Amino acid sequence: MEIPKVTFRNREFPALTRGIASDITETIGNTPLVRLNRLTNGLQAEVVVKLESSNPLHSVKDRIGVAMVTDAEASGKLKPGATI
């Protein structure tokens, strides 16, 4: 059985299976959006917020961090087992 894949920044990752990620990078992305119903009650606007605190490191910087490490690995600037 082939494991489904998701693509992030032109890089393929295994899709989450039963909610269990094989590493932290699989949990980055698809930040939940939540409607602010009380603030917009009676208005014609729909207001939503992103719950960045749901990201693995509770930050908007998760995606850029993965991109920087991926780039450093690909360019050879970061060697396997090196400390960041």
PDB file of N, CA and C in Angstrom:
ATOM      1  N   MET A   1       0.836  -1.180   0.000  1.00  0.00           N
ATOM      2  CA  MET A   1       0.000   0.000   0.000  1.00  0.00           C
ATOM      3  C   MET A   1       0.883   1.247   0.000  1.00  0.00           C
ATOM      4  N   GLU A   2       0.643   2.151  -0.926  1.00  0.00           N
ATOM      5  CA  GLU A   2       1.443   3.373  -1.026  1.00  0.00           C
ATOM      6  C   GLU A   2       0.934   4.428  -0.050  1.00  0.00           C
ATOM      7  N   ILE A   3       1.854   5.082   0.642  1.00  0.00           N
ATOM      8  CA  ILE A   3       1.487   6.125   1.596  1.00  0.00           C
ATOM      9  C   ILE A   3       1.204   7.412   0.822  1.00  0.00           C
ATOM     10  N   PRO A   4       0.045   8.055   1.068  1.00  0.00           N
ATOM     11  CA  PRO A   4      -0.252   9.298   0.363  1.00  0.00           C
ATOM     12  C   PRO A   4       0.774  10.379   0.694  1.00  0.00           C
ATOM     13  N   LYS A   5       1.008  11.286  -0.258  1.00  0.00           N
ATOM     14  CA  LYS A   5       2.007  12.340  -0.080  1.00  0.00           C
ATOM     15  C   LYS A   5       1.338  13.709  -0.123  1.00  0.00           C
ATOM     16  N   VAL A   6       1.952  14.664   0.560  1.00  0.00           N
ATOM     17  CA  VAL A   6       1.570  16.069   0.452  1.00  0.00           C
ATOM     18  C   VAL A   6       2.805  16.833   0.018  1.00  0.00           C
ATOM     19  N   THR A   7       2.615  17.947  -0.679  1.00  0.00           N
ATOM     20  CA  THR A   7       3.736  18.745  -1.151  1.00  0.00           C
ATOM     21  C   THR A   7       3.772  20.064  -0.411  1.00  0.00           C
ATOM     22  N   PHE A   8       4.944  20.436   0.069  1.00  0.00           N
ATOM     23  CA  PHE A   8       5.168  21.712   0.744  1.00  0.00           C
ATOM     24  C   PHE A   8       6.472  22.284   0.219  1.00  0.00           C
ATOM     25  N   ARG A   9       6.399  23.489  -0.352  1.00  0.00           N
ATOM     26  CA  ARG A   9       7.578  24.155  -0.912  1.00  0.00           C
ATOM     27  C   ARG A   9       8.322  23.244  -1.881  1.00  0.00           C
ATOM     28  N   ASN A  10       7.590  22.650  -2.784  1.00  0.00           N
ATOM     29  CA  ASN A  10       8.139  21.761  -3.814  1.00  0.00           C
ATOM     30  C   ASN A  10       8.867  20.549  -3.234  1.00  0.00           C
ATOM     31  N   ARG A  11       8.529  20.171  -2.021  1.00  0.00           N
ATOM     32  CA  ARG A  11       9.130  18.999  -1.385  1.00  0.00           C
ATOM     33  C   ARG A  11       8.002  18.074  -0.934  1.00  0.00           C
ATOM     34  N   GLU A  12       8.116  16.791  -1.227  1.00  0.00           N
ATOM     35  CA  GLU A  12       7.064  15.850  -0.864  1.00  0.00           C
ATOM     36  C   GLU A  12       7.289  15.286   0.535  1.00  0.00           C
ATOM     37  N   PHE A  13       6.188  15.168   1.269  1.00  0.00           N
ATOM     38  CA  PHE A  13       6.202  14.577   2.595  1.00  0.00           C
ATOM     39  C   PHE A  13       5.097  13.528   2.661  1.00  0.00           C
ATOM     40  N   PRO A  14       5.286  12.488   3.477  1.00  0.00           N
ATOM     41  CA  PRO A  14       4.185  11.538   3.658  1.00  0.00           C
ATOM     42  C   PRO A  14       3.017  12.250   4.329  1.00  0.00           C
ATOM     43  N   ALA A  15       1.801  11.967   3.891  1.00  0.00           N
ATOM     44  CA  ALA A  15       0.615  12.548   4.521  1.00  0.00           C
ATOM     45  C   ALA A  15       0.470  11.963   5.922  1.00  0.00           C
ATOM     46  N   LEU A  16      -0.146  12.729   6.795  1.00  0.00           N
ATOM     47  CA  LEU A  16      -0.384  12.228   8.144  1.00  0.00           C
ATOM     48  C   LEU A  16      -1.309  11.016   8.085  1.00  0.00           C
ATOM     49  N   THR A  17      -0.960   9.997   8.805  1.00  0.00           N
ATOM     50  CA  THR A  17      -1.761   8.793   8.873  1.00  0.00           C
ATOM     51  C   THR A  17      -2.271   8.652  10.300  1.00  0.00           C
ATOM     52  N   ARG A  18      -3.549   8.582  10.443  1.00  0.00           N
ATOM     53  CA  ARG A  18      -4.181   8.460  11.767  1.00  0.00           C
ATOM     54  C   ARG A  18      -3.713   9.534  12.725  1.00  0.00           C
ATOM     55  N   GLY A  19      -3.367  10.716  12.218  1.00  0.00           N
ATOM     56  CA  GLY A  19      -2.983  11.818  13.081  1.00  0.00           C
ATOM     57  C   GLY A  19      -1.598  11.679  13.699  1.00  0.00           C
ATOM     58  N   ILE A  20      -0.800  10.727  13.231  1.00  0.00           N
ATOM     59  CA  ILE A  20       0.544  10.543  13.795  1.00  0.00           C
ATOM     60  C   ILE A  20       1.563  10.994  12.762  1.00  0.00           C
ATOM     61  N   ALA A  21       2.344  12.010  13.103  1.00  0.00           N
ATOM     62  CA  ALA A  21       3.376  12.522  12.201  1.00  0.00           C
ATOM     63  C   ALA A  21       4.672  11.757  12.440  1.00  0.00           C
ATOM     64  N   SER A  22       5.397  11.485  11.361  1.00  0.00           N
ATOM     65  CA  SER A  22       6.667  10.778  11.533  1.00  0.00           C
ATOM     66  C   SER A  22       7.779  11.733  11.966  1.00  0.00           C
ATOM     67  N   ASP A  23       7.612  13.038  11.710  1.00  0.00           N
ATOM     68  CA  ASP A  23       8.517  14.043  12.270  1.00  0.00           C
ATOM     69  C   ASP A  23       7.799  15.385  12.308  1.00  0.00           C
ATOM     70  N   ILE A  24       8.392  16.355  12.973  1.00  0.00           N
ATOM     71  CA  ILE A  24       7.741  17.636  13.244  1.00  0.00           C
ATOM     72  C   ILE A  24       7.408  18.412  11.975  1.00  0.00           C
ATOM     73  N   THR A  25       8.197  18.236  10.906  1.00  0.00           N
ATOM     74  CA  THR A  25       7.936  19.007   9.689  1.00  0.00           C
ATOM     75  C   THR A  25       6.604  18.640   9.041  1.00  0.00           C
ATOM     76  N   GLU A  26       6.097  17.445   9.311  1.00  0.00           N
ATOM     77  CA  GLU A  26       4.811  17.044   8.749  1.00  0.00           C
ATOM     78  C   GLU A  26       3.642  17.801   9.362  1.00  0.00           C
ATOM     79  N   THR A  27       3.859  18.443  10.486  1.00  0.00           N
ATOM     80  CA  THR A  27       2.770  19.146  11.161  1.00  0.00           C
ATOM     81  C   THR A  27       2.715  20.625  10.784  1.00  0.00           C
ATOM     82  N   ILE A  28       3.626  21.077   9.937  1.00  0.00           N
ATOM     83  CA  ILE A  28       3.673  22.485   9.537  1.00  0.00           C
ATOM     84  C   ILE A  28       2.717  22.714   8.369  1.00  0.00           C
ATOM     85  N   GLY A  29       2.000  23.792   8.424  1.00  0.00           N
ATOM     86  CA  GLY A  29       1.066  24.135   7.350  1.00  0.00           C
ATOM     87  C   GLY A  29      -0.371  23.868   7.744  1.00  0.00           C
ATOM     88  N   ASN A  30      -1.274  24.321   6.915  1.00  0.00           N
ATOM     89  CA  ASN A  30      -2.711  24.171   7.176  1.00  0.00           C
ATOM     90  C   ASN A  30      -3.097  24.705   8.548  1.00  0.00           C
ATOM     91  N   THR A  31      -2.562  25.881   8.884  1.00  0.00           N
ATOM     92  CA  THR A  31      -2.885  26.524  10.154  1.00  0.00           C
ATOM     93  C   THR A  31      -4.393  26.737  10.235  1.00  0.00           C
ATOM     94  N   PRO A  32      -5.019  26.335  11.342  1.00  0.00           N
ATOM     95  CA  PRO A  32      -6.473  26.463  11.437  1.00  0.00           C
ATOM     96  C   PRO A  32      -6.932  27.924  11.399  1.00  0.00           C
ATOM     97  N   LEU A  33      -8.066  28.134  10.743  1.00  0.00           N
ATOM     98  CA  LEU A  33      -8.734  29.433  10.734  1.00  0.00           C
ATOM     99  C   LEU A  33      -9.980  29.327  11.605  1.00  0.00           C
ATOM    100  N   VAL A  34     -10.251  30.393  12.386  1.00  0.00           N
ATOM    101  CA  VAL A  34     -11.407  30.404  13.277  1.00  0.00           C
ATOM    102  C   VAL A  34     -12.202  31.682  13.039  1.00  0.00           C
ATOM    103  N   ARG A  35     -13.521  31.545  12.879  1.00  0.00           N
ATOM    104  CA  ARG A  35     -14.397  32.708  12.711  1.00  0.00           C
ATOM    105  C   ARG A  35     -14.527  33.461  14.034  1.00  0.00           C
ATOM    106  N   LEU A  36     -14.572  34.779  13.951  1.00  0.00           N
ATOM    107  CA  LEU A  36     -14.820  35.618  15.122  1.00  0.00           C
ATOM    108  C   LEU A  36     -16.293  36.021  15.109  1.00  0.00           C
ATOM    109  N   ASN A  37     -17.141  35.088  15.490  1.00  0.00           N
ATOM    110  CA  ASN A  37     -18.589  35.278  15.396  1.00  0.00           C
ATOM    111  C   ASN A  37     -19.106  36.414  16.261  1.00  0.00           C
ATOM    112  N   ARG A  38     -18.633  36.534  17.474  1.00  0.00           N
ATOM    113  CA  ARG A  38     -19.150  37.579  18.368  1.00  0.00           C
ATOM    114  C   ARG A  38     -18.807  38.977  17.873  1.00  0.00           C
ATOM    115  N   LEU A  39     -17.624  39.138  17.294  1.00  0.00           N
ATOM    116  CA  LEU A  39     -17.222  40.454  16.801  1.00  0.00           C
ATOM    117  C   LEU A  39     -17.999  40.878  15.565  1.00  0.00           C
ATOM    118  N   THR A  40     -18.468  39.914  14.799  1.00  0.00           N
ATOM    119  CA  THR A  40     -19.139  40.242  13.535  1.00  0.00           C
ATOM    120  C   THR A  40     -20.637  40.013  13.588  1.00  0.00           C
ATOM    121  N   ASN A  41     -21.169  39.744  14.765  1.00  0.00           N
ATOM    122  CA  ASN A  41     -22.600  39.497  14.902  1.00  0.00           C
ATOM    123  C   ASN A  41     -23.382  40.695  14.363  1.00  0.00           C
ATOM    124  N   GLY A  42     -24.232  40.452  13.385  1.00  0.00           N
ATOM    125  CA  GLY A  42     -25.035  41.508  12.790  1.00  0.00           C
ATOM    126  C   GLY A  42     -24.356  42.230  11.636  1.00  0.00           C
ATOM    127  N   LEU A  43     -23.101  41.938  11.369  1.00  0.00           N
ATOM    128  CA  LEU A  43     -22.393  42.567  10.252  1.00  0.00           C
ATOM    129  C   LEU A  43     -22.433  41.651   9.037  1.00  0.00           C
ATOM    130  N   GLN A  44     -22.163  42.230   7.883  1.00  0.00           N
ATOM    131  CA  GLN A  44     -22.139  41.417   6.673  1.00  0.00           C
ATOM    132  C   GLN A  44     -20.748  40.850   6.400  1.00  0.00           C
ATOM    133  N   ALA A  45     -19.791  41.211   7.210  1.00  0.00           N
ATOM    134  CA  ALA A  45     -18.415  40.743   7.011  1.00  0.00           C
ATOM    135  C   ALA A  45     -18.178  39.438   7.769  1.00  0.00           C
ATOM    136  N   GLU A  46     -17.317  38.634   7.201  1.00  0.00           N
ATOM    137  CA  GLU A  46     -16.849  37.437   7.892  1.00  0.00           C
ATOM    138  C   GLU A  46     -15.389  37.690   8.258  1.00  0.00           C
ATOM    139  N   VAL A  47     -15.069  37.578   9.525  1.00  0.00           N
ATOM    140  CA  VAL A  47     -13.703  37.808   9.988  1.00  0.00           C
ATOM    141  C   VAL A  47     -13.172  36.504  10.559  1.00  0.00           C
ATOM    142  N   VAL A  48     -12.011  36.108  10.073  1.00  0.00           N
ATOM    143  CA  VAL A  48     -11.370  34.895  10.573  1.00  0.00           C
ATOM    144  C   VAL A  48      -9.947  35.231  11.013  1.00  0.00           C
ATOM    145  N   VAL A  49      -9.438  34.455  11.936  1.00  0.00           N
ATOM    146  CA  VAL A  49      -8.055  34.611  12.395  1.00  0.00           C
ATOM    147  C   VAL A  49      -7.339  33.278  12.227  1.00  0.00           C
ATOM    148  N   LYS A  50      -6.029  33.356  12.006  1.00  0.00           N
ATOM    149  CA  LYS A  50      -5.208  32.144  11.938  1.00  0.00           C
ATOM    150  C   LYS A  50      -4.680  31.849  13.333  1.00  0.00           C
ATOM    151  N   LEU A  51      -4.777  30.616  13.745  1.00  0.00           N
ATOM    152  CA  LEU A  51      -4.276  30.206  15.051  1.00  0.00           C
ATOM    153  C   LEU A  51      -2.822  29.758  14.923  1.00  0.00           C
ATOM    154  N   GLU A  52      -1.932  30.745  14.796  1.00  0.00           N
ATOM    155  CA  GLU A  52      -0.505  30.428  14.647  1.00  0.00           C
ATOM    156  C   GLU A  52       0.022  29.643  15.840  1.00  0.00           C
ATOM    157  N   SER A  53      -0.640  29.761  16.974  1.00  0.00           N
ATOM    158  CA  SER A  53      -0.207  29.004  18.156  1.00  0.00           C
ATOM    159  C   SER A  53      -0.393  27.501  17.958  1.00  0.00           C
ATOM    160  N   SER A  54      -1.115  27.111  16.899  1.00  0.00           N
ATOM    161  CA  SER A  54      -1.279  25.684  16.600  1.00  0.00           C
ATOM    162  C   SER A  54      -0.104  25.117  15.824  1.00  0.00           C
ATOM    163  N   ASN A  55       0.812  25.968  15.384  1.00  0.00           N
ATOM    164  CA  ASN A  55       2.008  25.498  14.688  1.00  0.00           C
ATOM    165  C   ASN A  55       2.915  24.769  15.675  1.00  0.00           C
ATOM    166  N   PRO A  56       3.784  23.896  15.186  1.00  0.00           N
ATOM    167  CA  PRO A  56       4.620  23.082  16.087  1.00  0.00           C
ATOM    168  C   PRO A  56       5.426  23.894  17.103  1.00  0.00           C
ATOM    169  N   LEU A  57       5.956  25.033  16.682  1.00  0.00           N
ATOM    170  CA  LEU A  57       6.746  25.855  17.609  1.00  0.00           C
ATOM    171  C   LEU A  57       5.970  27.094  18.042  1.00  0.00           C
ATOM    172  N   HIS A  58       4.652  27.070  17.810  1.00  0.00           N
ATOM    173  CA  HIS A  58       3.749  28.156  18.195  1.00  0.00           C
ATOM    174  C   HIS A  58       4.157  29.490  17.589  1.00  0.00           C
ATOM    175  N   SER A  59       4.610  29.459  16.360  1.00  0.00           N
ATOM    176  CA  SER A  59       5.174  30.644  15.737  1.00  0.00           C
ATOM    177  C   SER A  59       4.854  30.697  14.254  1.00  0.00           C
ATOM    178  N   VAL A  60       4.864  31.911  13.698  1.00  0.00           N
ATOM    179  CA  VAL A  60       4.713  32.082  12.254  1.00  0.00           C
ATOM    180  C   VAL A  60       6.012  31.741  11.546  1.00  0.00           C
ATOM    181  N   LYS A  61       7.062  31.468  12.295  1.00  0.00           N
ATOM    182  CA  LYS A  61       8.389  31.239  11.714  1.00  0.00           C
ATOM    183  C   LYS A  61       8.673  29.767  11.393  1.00  0.00           C
ATOM    184  N   ASP A  62       7.729  28.878  11.631  1.00  0.00           N
ATOM    185  CA  ASP A  62       7.956  27.453  11.385  1.00  0.00           C
ATOM    186  C   ASP A  62       8.287  27.164   9.928  1.00  0.00           C
ATOM    187  N   ARG A  63       7.509  27.724   9.007  1.00  0.00           N
ATOM    188  CA  ARG A  63       7.725  27.450   7.581  1.00  0.00           C
ATOM    189  C   ARG A  63       9.078  27.966   7.121  1.00  0.00           C
ATOM    190  N   ILE A  64       9.424  29.187   7.508  1.00  0.00           N
ATOM    191  CA  ILE A  64      10.714  29.742   7.073  1.00  0.00           C
ATOM    192  C   ILE A  64      11.864  28.957   7.686  1.00  0.00           C
ATOM    193  N   GLY A  65      11.695  28.480   8.901  1.00  0.00           N
ATOM    194  CA  GLY A  65      12.738  27.672   9.525  1.00  0.00           C
ATOM    195  C   GLY A  65      13.004  26.389   8.756  1.00  0.00           C
ATOM    196  N   VAL A  66      11.934  25.693   8.366  1.00  0.00           N
ATOM    197  CA  VAL A  66      12.089  24.467   7.579  1.00  0.00           C
ATOM    198  C   VAL A  66      12.718  24.787   6.234  1.00  0.00           C
ATOM    199  N   ALA A  67      12.278  25.891   5.601  1.00  0.00           N
ATOM    200  CA  ALA A  67      12.833  26.269   4.295  1.00  0.00           C
ATOM    201  C   ALA A  67      14.324  26.574   4.405  1.00  0.00           C
ATOM    202  N   MET A  68      14.748  27.260   5.468  1.00  0.00           N
ATOM    203  CA  MET A  68      16.163  27.600   5.635  1.00  0.00           C
ATOM    204  C   MET A  68      17.012  26.352   5.852  1.00  0.00           C
ATOM    205  N   VAL A  69      16.529  25.428   6.674  1.00  0.00           N
ATOM    206  CA  VAL A  69      17.278  24.194   6.932  1.00  0.00           C
ATOM    207  C   VAL A  69      17.330  23.341   5.670  1.00  0.00           C
ATOM    208  N   THR A  70      16.202  23.229   4.967  1.00  0.00           N
ATOM    209  CA  THR A  70      16.169  22.450   3.730  1.00  0.00           C
ATOM    210  C   THR A  70      17.148  23.008   2.711  1.00  0.00           C
ATOM    211  N   ASP A  71      17.173  24.332   2.567  1.00  0.00           N
ATOM    212  CA  ASP A  71      18.096  24.978   1.628  1.00  0.00           C
ATOM    213  C   ASP A  71      19.549  24.753   2.050  1.00  0.00           C
ATOM    214  N   ALA A  72      19.837  24.889   3.338  1.00  0.00           N
ATOM    215  CA  ALA A  72      21.206  24.697   3.822  1.00  0.00           C
ATOM    216  C   ALA A  72      21.667  23.255   3.604  1.00  0.00           C
ATOM    217  N   GLU A  73      20.760  22.298   3.787  1.00  0.00           N
ATOM    218  CA  GLU A  73      21.102  20.895   3.530  1.00  0.00           C
ATOM    219  C   GLU A  73      21.357  20.669   2.045  1.00  0.00           C
ATOM    220  N   ALA A  74      20.479  21.223   1.207  1.00  0.00           N
ATOM    221  CA  ALA A  74      20.607  21.021  -0.242  1.00  0.00           C
ATOM    222  C   ALA A  74      21.874  21.659  -0.797  1.00  0.00           C
ATOM    223  N   SER A  75      22.279  22.795  -0.241  1.00  0.00           N
ATOM    224  CA  SER A  75      23.469  23.487  -0.752  1.00  0.00           C
ATOM    225  C   SER A  75      24.760  22.973  -0.125  1.00  0.00           C
ATOM    226  N   GLY A  76      24.633  22.087   0.857  1.00  0.00           N
ATOM    227  CA  GLY A  76      25.820  21.538   1.500  1.00  0.00           C
ATOM    228  C   GLY A  76      26.355  22.397   2.637  1.00  0.00           C
ATOM    229  N   LYS A  77      25.690  23.509   2.935  1.00  0.00           N
ATOM    230  CA  LYS A  77      26.128  24.376   4.034  1.00  0.00           C
ATOM    231  C   LYS A  77      25.869  23.733   5.391  1.00  0.00           C
ATOM    232  N   LEU A  78      24.869  22.866   5.459  1.00  0.00           N
ATOM    233  CA  LEU A  78      24.547  22.156   6.686  1.00  0.00           C
ATOM    234  C   LEU A  78      24.783  20.671   6.442  1.00  0.00           C
ATOM    235  N   LYS A  79      25.726  20.120   7.152  1.00  0.00           N
ATOM    236  CA  LYS A  79      26.099  18.706   6.997  1.00  0.00           C
ATOM    237  C   LYS A  79      25.242  17.833   7.919  1.00  0.00           C
ATOM    238  N   PRO A  80      25.007  16.575   7.542  1.00  0.00           N
ATOM    239  CA  PRO A  80      24.247  15.673   8.404  1.00  0.00           C
ATOM    240  C   PRO A  80      24.869  15.593   9.798  1.00  0.00           C
ATOM    241  N   GLY A  81      24.022  15.701  10.805  1.00  0.00           N
ATOM    242  CA  GLY A  81      24.481  15.615  12.184  1.00  0.00           C
ATOM    243  C   GLY A  81      25.023  16.909  12.750  1.00  0.00           C
ATOM    244  N   ALA A  82      25.091  17.978  11.928  1.00  0.00           N
ATOM    245  CA  ALA A  82      25.608  19.268  12.399  1.00  0.00           C
ATOM    246  C   ALA A  82      24.614  19.918  13.356  1.00  0.00           C
ATOM    247  N   THR A  83      25.128  20.770  14.211  1.00  0.00           N
ATOM    248  CA  THR A  83      24.302  21.513  15.156  1.00  0.00           C
ATOM    249  C   THR A  83      23.960  22.873  14.573  1.00  0.00           C
ATOM    250  N   ILE A  84      22.726  23.277  14.756  1.00  0.00           N
ATOM    251  CA  ILE A  84      22.292  24.594  14.281  1.00  0.00           C
ATOM    252  C   ILE A  84      22.319  25.561  15.447  1.00  0.00           C
TER     253      ILE A  84
END
